[in-house]
Protein backbone atom coordinates (compact mmCIF):
# COMPACT_ATOMS: atom_id res chain seq x y z
CA UNK A 1 -2.74 -59.97 -27.86
CA UNK A 2 -4.90 -62.45 -25.98
CA UNK A 3 -8.67 -61.65 -25.79
CA UNK A 4 -8.59 -61.35 -21.99
CA UNK A 5 -5.63 -58.95 -22.05
CA UNK A 6 -7.25 -56.95 -24.87
CA UNK A 7 -10.46 -56.53 -22.83
CA UNK A 8 -8.44 -55.42 -19.80
CA UNK A 9 -6.53 -52.81 -21.83
CA UNK A 10 -9.72 -51.51 -23.44
CA UNK A 11 -11.48 -51.23 -20.07
CA UNK A 12 -8.51 -49.28 -18.72
CA UNK A 13 -8.49 -46.93 -21.72
CA UNK A 14 -12.26 -46.37 -21.57
CA UNK A 15 -11.99 -45.72 -17.85
CA UNK A 16 -9.25 -43.16 -18.38
CA UNK A 17 -11.22 -41.39 -21.11
CA UNK A 18 -14.33 -41.35 -18.94
CA UNK A 19 -12.37 -39.95 -16.02
CA UNK A 20 -11.00 -37.18 -18.22
CA UNK A 21 -14.51 -36.40 -19.40
CA UNK A 22 -15.77 -36.18 -15.83
CA UNK A 23 -12.84 -33.94 -14.86
CA UNK A 24 -13.54 -31.63 -17.79
CA UNK A 25 -17.20 -31.45 -16.84
CA UNK A 26 -16.38 -30.59 -13.23
CA UNK A 27 -13.84 -27.97 -14.34
CA UNK A 28 -16.42 -26.19 -16.51
CA UNK A 29 -19.26 -26.59 -14.02
CA UNK A 30 -20.89 -23.23 -13.15
CA UNK A 31 -21.69 -22.18 -9.59
CA UNK A 32 -25.37 -22.45 -10.49
CA UNK A 33 -27.78 -21.55 -13.27
CA UNK A 34 -27.87 -17.94 -11.98
CA UNK A 35 -25.57 -15.35 -13.58
CA UNK A 36 -22.70 -13.83 -11.61
CA UNK A 37 -23.10 -10.07 -11.30
CA UNK A 38 -20.09 -7.77 -10.90
CA UNK A 39 -21.16 -4.37 -9.54
CA UNK A 40 -18.82 -1.62 -10.75
CA UNK A 41 -18.86 1.72 -8.86
CA UNK A 42 -17.95 3.66 -12.01
CA UNK A 43 -19.58 4.46 -15.33
CA UNK A 44 -19.08 2.38 -18.46
CA UNK A 45 -15.89 2.91 -20.46
CA UNK A 46 -13.48 3.74 -17.66
CA UNK A 47 -10.42 1.70 -16.66
CA UNK A 48 -12.22 -0.15 -13.85
CA UNK A 49 -15.23 -0.95 -16.04
CA UNK A 50 -13.09 -2.21 -18.92
CA UNK A 51 -10.97 -4.31 -16.56
CA UNK A 52 -14.07 -5.93 -15.09
CA UNK A 53 -15.47 -6.66 -18.55
CA UNK A 54 -12.24 -8.27 -19.80
CA UNK A 55 -12.04 -10.56 -16.75
CA UNK A 56 -15.77 -11.30 -16.72
CA UNK A 57 -15.71 -12.41 -20.34
CA UNK A 58 -12.92 -14.92 -19.70
CA UNK A 59 -14.53 -16.20 -16.50
CA UNK A 60 -17.79 -16.78 -18.35
CA UNK A 61 -15.99 -18.73 -21.07
CA UNK A 62 -14.11 -20.87 -18.56
CA UNK A 63 -17.03 -21.53 -16.20
CA UNK A 64 -19.80 -21.93 -18.75
CA UNK A 65 -21.77 -19.35 -16.79
CA UNK A 66 -23.03 -15.86 -17.52
CA UNK A 67 -21.00 -13.10 -15.84
CA UNK A 68 -22.56 -9.66 -16.24
CA UNK A 69 -21.43 -6.12 -15.39
CA UNK A 70 -23.73 -3.71 -13.56
CA UNK A 71 -22.52 -0.10 -13.40
CA UNK A 72 -23.53 1.85 -10.30
CA UNK A 73 -21.47 5.05 -10.35
CA UNK A 74 -21.64 7.95 -7.92
CA UNK A 75 -21.34 8.76 -4.22
CA UNK A 76 -17.72 7.66 -4.03
CA UNK A 77 -18.63 4.04 -4.66
CA UNK A 78 -21.02 3.93 -1.69
CA UNK A 79 -24.07 2.88 -3.74
CA UNK A 80 -22.21 -0.02 -5.36
CA UNK A 81 -20.63 -1.07 -2.06
CA UNK A 82 -23.97 -1.03 -0.25
CA UNK A 83 -25.57 -3.11 -3.01
CA UNK A 84 -22.98 -5.86 -2.64
CA UNK A 85 -22.70 -5.72 1.16
CA UNK A 86 -26.44 -6.40 1.42
CA UNK A 87 -26.60 -9.00 -1.37
CA UNK A 88 -27.16 -12.71 -0.82
CA UNK A 89 -23.74 -14.16 0.16
CA UNK A 90 -23.80 -16.94 -2.42
CA UNK A 91 -21.02 -15.81 -4.75
CA UNK A 92 -23.34 -14.41 -7.40
CA UNK A 93 -22.91 -10.71 -6.54
CA UNK A 94 -19.37 -9.30 -6.50
CA UNK A 95 -17.93 -5.82 -5.99
CA UNK A 96 -15.27 -4.28 -8.21
CA UNK A 97 -12.99 -2.75 -5.58
CA UNK A 98 -10.36 -0.07 -6.19
CA UNK A 99 -8.29 2.56 -4.41
CA UNK A 100 -11.58 4.43 -4.15
CA UNK A 101 -12.97 1.74 -1.86
CA UNK A 102 -10.12 2.33 0.58
CA UNK A 103 -10.31 6.12 0.22
CA UNK A 104 -14.07 6.23 0.92
CA UNK A 105 -13.55 4.65 4.33
CA UNK A 106 -11.65 7.76 5.45
CA UNK A 107 -13.45 10.34 3.31
CA UNK A 108 -16.99 9.77 4.59
CA UNK A 109 -18.14 10.44 8.15
CA UNK A 110 -20.28 7.33 7.98
CA UNK A 111 -20.94 4.55 5.50
CA UNK A 112 -23.83 2.07 5.30
CA UNK A 113 -21.23 -0.72 5.48
CA UNK A 114 -17.87 -1.47 7.09
CA UNK A 115 -15.21 -1.56 4.37
CA UNK A 116 -13.04 -4.08 6.22
CA UNK A 117 -15.75 -6.27 7.76
CA UNK A 118 -18.64 -6.43 5.31
CA UNK A 119 -16.75 -7.76 2.29
CA UNK A 120 -14.89 -11.01 1.67
CA UNK A 121 -11.80 -10.28 -0.47
CA UNK A 122 -11.31 -12.66 -3.40
CA UNK A 123 -8.47 -11.45 -5.63
CA UNK A 124 -6.78 -8.44 -7.15
CA UNK A 125 -7.10 -8.10 -10.93
CA UNK A 126 -4.39 -5.64 -11.86
CA UNK A 127 -2.39 -2.51 -11.11
CA UNK A 128 -1.99 0.66 -13.17
CA UNK A 129 0.32 3.61 -12.87
CA UNK A 130 -0.08 7.17 -11.65
CA UNK A 131 2.39 9.63 -13.19
CA UNK A 132 3.85 13.06 -12.47
CA UNK A 133 3.71 15.02 -15.73
CA UNK A 134 4.75 18.52 -16.81
CA UNK A 135 4.11 20.65 -19.92
CA UNK A 136 6.28 20.08 -22.99
CA UNK A 137 8.16 23.38 -22.48
CA UNK A 138 8.62 22.92 -18.74
CA UNK A 139 12.01 23.89 -17.28
CA UNK A 140 11.80 20.76 -15.12
CA UNK A 141 13.35 17.84 -16.96
CA UNK A 142 13.47 15.43 -14.01
CA UNK A 143 11.54 14.91 -10.80
CA UNK A 144 14.61 16.12 -8.93
CA UNK A 145 14.37 19.42 -10.84
CA UNK A 146 10.73 19.81 -9.83
CA UNK A 147 11.42 19.07 -6.16
CA UNK A 148 14.40 21.43 -6.09
CA UNK A 149 12.25 24.25 -7.51
CA UNK A 150 9.50 23.56 -4.98
CA UNK A 151 11.95 23.71 -2.08
CA UNK A 152 13.54 26.91 -3.40
CA UNK A 153 10.13 28.57 -3.84
CA UNK A 154 7.82 27.30 -1.06
CA UNK A 155 4.12 27.44 -1.90
CA UNK A 156 4.58 28.66 -5.49
CA UNK A 157 4.44 25.35 -7.36
CA UNK A 158 1.00 24.34 -8.72
CA UNK A 159 0.14 20.64 -9.08
CA UNK A 160 -3.10 19.78 -10.86
CA UNK A 161 -5.29 16.75 -10.10
CA UNK A 162 -8.90 15.76 -10.55
CA UNK A 163 -11.42 16.37 -7.76
CA UNK A 164 -10.59 16.58 -4.06
CA UNK A 165 -10.54 13.16 -2.41
CA UNK A 166 -9.76 11.26 -5.61
CA UNK A 167 -6.83 8.84 -5.66
CA UNK A 168 -4.88 11.29 -7.82
CA UNK A 169 -5.61 14.18 -5.49
CA UNK A 170 -4.56 12.21 -2.41
CA UNK A 171 -1.48 10.86 -4.23
CA UNK A 172 -0.44 14.48 -4.86
CA UNK A 173 -0.95 15.31 -1.19
CA UNK A 174 1.11 12.27 -0.17
CA UNK A 175 3.75 13.28 -2.73
CA UNK A 176 3.99 16.73 -1.12
CA UNK A 177 4.34 15.44 2.43
CA UNK A 178 6.76 12.65 1.49
CA UNK A 179 8.99 15.11 -0.41
CA UNK A 180 8.77 17.72 2.32
CA UNK A 181 7.64 20.47 -0.06
CA UNK A 182 5.04 23.21 0.09
CA UNK A 183 2.96 23.33 -3.10
CA UNK A 184 -0.59 24.10 -4.16
CA UNK A 185 -2.66 21.09 -5.18
CA UNK A 186 -5.27 22.45 -7.59
CA UNK A 187 -8.36 20.26 -8.17
CA UNK A 188 -10.21 20.15 -11.50
CA UNK A 189 -13.49 18.51 -12.43
CA UNK A 190 -11.93 15.91 -14.72
CA UNK A 191 -8.87 14.75 -16.62
CA UNK A 192 -9.63 16.79 -19.79
CA UNK A 193 -9.61 19.98 -17.69
CA UNK A 194 -6.28 18.98 -16.11
CA UNK A 195 -4.76 18.37 -19.55
CA UNK A 196 -6.04 21.71 -20.87
CA UNK A 197 -4.59 23.61 -17.89
CA UNK A 198 -1.31 21.73 -18.12
CA UNK A 199 -0.87 22.36 -21.84
CA UNK A 200 -1.98 25.96 -21.41
CA UNK A 201 0.72 26.68 -18.87
CA UNK A 202 -1.61 27.23 -15.91
CA UNK A 203 -0.03 24.30 -14.07
CA UNK A 204 3.58 23.48 -13.28
CA UNK A 205 2.80 19.77 -13.01
CA UNK A 206 -0.02 17.28 -12.69
CA UNK A 207 -0.58 13.94 -10.97
CA UNK A 208 -2.82 11.70 -13.03
CA UNK A 209 -3.55 8.09 -13.99
CA UNK A 210 -1.12 7.21 -16.78
CA UNK A 211 -3.65 5.73 -19.22
CA UNK A 212 -5.53 8.94 -20.13
CA UNK A 213 -2.23 10.86 -20.17
CA UNK A 214 -0.41 8.40 -22.42
CA UNK A 215 -1.58 9.86 -25.77
CA UNK A 216 -0.46 13.30 -24.56
CA UNK A 217 2.94 11.90 -23.57
CA UNK A 218 3.38 9.94 -26.79
CA UNK A 219 2.50 12.99 -28.90
CA UNK A 220 5.02 15.12 -27.01
CA UNK A 221 2.39 17.53 -25.65
CA UNK A 222 3.41 16.72 -22.07
CA UNK A 223 6.40 15.04 -20.48
CA UNK A 224 6.36 12.31 -17.81
CA UNK A 225 8.88 12.92 -15.03
CA UNK A 226 8.14 9.78 -13.01
CA UNK A 227 5.62 7.10 -12.19
CA UNK A 228 4.61 6.69 -8.58
CA UNK A 229 4.59 2.91 -8.26
CA UNK A 230 7.24 0.50 -7.01
CA UNK A 231 8.51 -0.29 -10.51
CA UNK A 232 8.69 1.33 -13.91
CA UNK A 233 5.67 1.40 -16.16
CA UNK A 234 5.27 -1.51 -18.55
CA UNK A 235 4.54 1.02 -21.33
CA UNK A 236 7.05 3.77 -20.44
CA UNK A 237 10.15 1.85 -19.43
CA UNK A 238 12.45 4.87 -19.84
CA UNK A 239 10.53 6.86 -17.22
CA UNK A 240 11.90 6.33 -13.69
CA UNK A 241 9.87 5.75 -10.55
CA UNK A 242 9.54 8.44 -7.89
CA UNK A 243 11.70 6.26 -5.62
CA UNK A 244 14.41 6.06 -8.29
CA UNK A 245 14.23 9.85 -8.59
CA UNK A 246 15.11 10.51 -4.97
CA UNK A 247 11.80 10.00 -3.15
CA UNK A 248 12.84 6.92 -1.16
CA UNK A 249 10.25 4.19 -0.61
CA UNK A 250 7.47 6.16 -2.33
CA UNK A 251 4.95 3.71 -3.79
CA UNK A 252 1.47 4.63 -4.97
CA UNK A 253 -0.34 2.72 -7.71
CA UNK A 254 -3.99 2.27 -8.61
CA UNK A 255 -5.52 -1.19 -8.45
CA UNK A 256 -8.73 -3.12 -9.04
CA UNK A 257 -9.98 -6.24 -7.29
CA UNK A 258 -13.06 -8.36 -6.68
CA UNK A 259 -14.82 -9.05 -3.37
CA UNK A 260 -18.03 -10.72 -2.23
CA UNK A 261 -20.39 -10.16 0.72
CA UNK A 262 -18.66 -11.08 3.99
CA UNK A 263 -20.69 -14.20 4.81
CA UNK A 264 -20.00 -15.94 1.49
CA UNK A 265 -18.91 -19.56 2.20
CA UNK A 266 -15.19 -20.25 2.00
CA UNK A 267 -15.70 -22.98 -0.60
CA UNK A 268 -17.42 -20.49 -2.90
CA UNK A 269 -14.69 -17.88 -2.33
CA UNK A 270 -12.01 -20.46 -3.09
CA UNK A 271 -13.75 -21.45 -6.32
CA UNK A 272 -14.09 -17.82 -7.39
CA UNK A 273 -10.47 -17.10 -6.50
CA UNK A 274 -9.36 -20.05 -8.63
CA UNK A 275 -11.50 -18.93 -11.58
CA UNK A 276 -10.28 -15.32 -11.34
CA UNK A 277 -6.64 -16.43 -11.16
CA UNK A 278 -7.05 -18.68 -14.20
CA UNK A 279 -8.75 -15.87 -16.14
CA UNK A 280 -6.29 -13.11 -15.19
CA UNK A 281 -3.26 -15.33 -15.82
CA UNK A 282 -4.46 -16.24 -19.32
CA UNK A 283 -2.43 -14.80 -22.20
CA UNK A 284 -5.60 -13.33 -23.72
CA UNK A 285 -6.55 -11.34 -20.61
CA UNK A 286 -2.97 -10.25 -19.93
CA UNK A 287 -2.76 -8.78 -23.43
CA UNK A 288 -6.16 -7.10 -23.18
CA UNK A 289 -5.22 -5.51 -19.87
CA UNK A 290 -1.80 -4.50 -21.15
CA UNK A 291 -3.58 -2.67 -23.99
CA UNK A 292 -5.28 -0.67 -21.22
CA UNK A 293 -1.87 -0.05 -19.56
CA UNK A 294 -2.79 -2.41 -16.72
CA UNK A 295 -0.46 -5.06 -15.37
CA UNK A 296 -2.49 -8.22 -14.74
CA UNK A 297 -1.90 -9.39 -11.18
CA UNK A 298 -4.20 -11.84 -9.36
CA UNK A 299 -3.76 -12.66 -5.67
CA UNK A 300 -4.96 -14.76 -2.78
CA UNK A 301 -7.86 -13.53 -0.64
CA UNK A 302 -5.42 -12.93 2.23
CA UNK A 303 -3.18 -10.76 0.05
CA UNK A 304 -6.13 -8.63 -1.04
CA UNK A 305 -7.31 -8.33 2.58
CA UNK A 306 -3.87 -7.04 3.58
CA UNK A 307 -3.83 -4.59 0.66
CA UNK A 308 -7.29 -3.24 1.49
CA UNK A 309 -6.42 -2.81 5.19
CA UNK A 310 -3.11 -1.06 4.50
CA UNK A 311 -4.58 1.21 1.82
CA UNK A 312 -7.53 2.15 4.04
CA UNK A 313 -5.15 3.10 6.85
CA UNK A 314 -2.79 5.01 4.56
CA UNK A 315 -5.43 7.12 2.82
CA UNK A 316 -7.20 7.91 6.08
CA UNK A 317 -3.89 9.31 7.31
CA UNK A 318 -3.39 11.37 4.13
CA UNK A 319 -6.94 12.76 4.35
CA UNK A 320 -6.38 13.80 7.98
CA UNK A 321 -2.94 15.31 7.30
CA UNK A 322 -4.21 17.29 4.31
CA UNK A 323 -7.19 18.47 6.39
CA UNK A 324 -9.64 17.38 3.72
CA UNK A 325 -13.17 17.72 5.14
CA UNK A 326 -15.03 14.44 5.51
CA UNK A 327 -18.31 14.16 3.69
């Protein structure tokens, strides 16, 4: 090879390597030296908290930036929502949204923020199932059996859930109205109390998040009749959906997402959406979420905005129809 040609080739190669180095640096460039804070409206150890931690860890690795979790439970997520709504709109303070965010808009007479106007949706993180379960010795072997019994004996069926106004409680109310049955929805102060009542025979059925019920189902202590989402559970593939069991078009699933204060610049939102999508789509995060019985599912900001608006409208309607007093 002639010296001139060799120099040209080497310059080209060095240029390509340098360009790759610059691209890698840009890809890993943090938003700033400040940490990103994800405010979670639930205590540590729950599904939402664990989801946020799994995603935050991967985002931090990819961005080369600290991403921390701040738990602010209580008041139906109002404290956490208010913290983020009033935060500096620079992309460094995010809200872990859930069904509860949409429910609170219809459950409270007034909020210190507007659920649909004061937050900039970024992306969903994942969806997880709600199930209809019965005791092991229940005479109801299918959801159709349960509905038939409820219609034959109006008002006698007892369905347990956690506290009034929770996603599970409202899902049970929506289940009743969609099926056209009269049944008593009995609220308890937590999932352990629901399980105890169900196993003790005080309840005919319960509507609960699948994750805490899964050990009970797998041990045979309770039996899952159906999941309430649009498709079968990724961990209980033999259990049909409510729609497959005769409740046409019924679709209720829990979800988590991330949002920022409403005035956050679009460029920052786009960067965060990209980072969240990369993190949630990674094999590592998908597996970690699957271990929590969560189906990883990122989105565009527009898709999350549509979800939040439709869920807010739906749950407000359920709250009104069930005559649940606003707080």
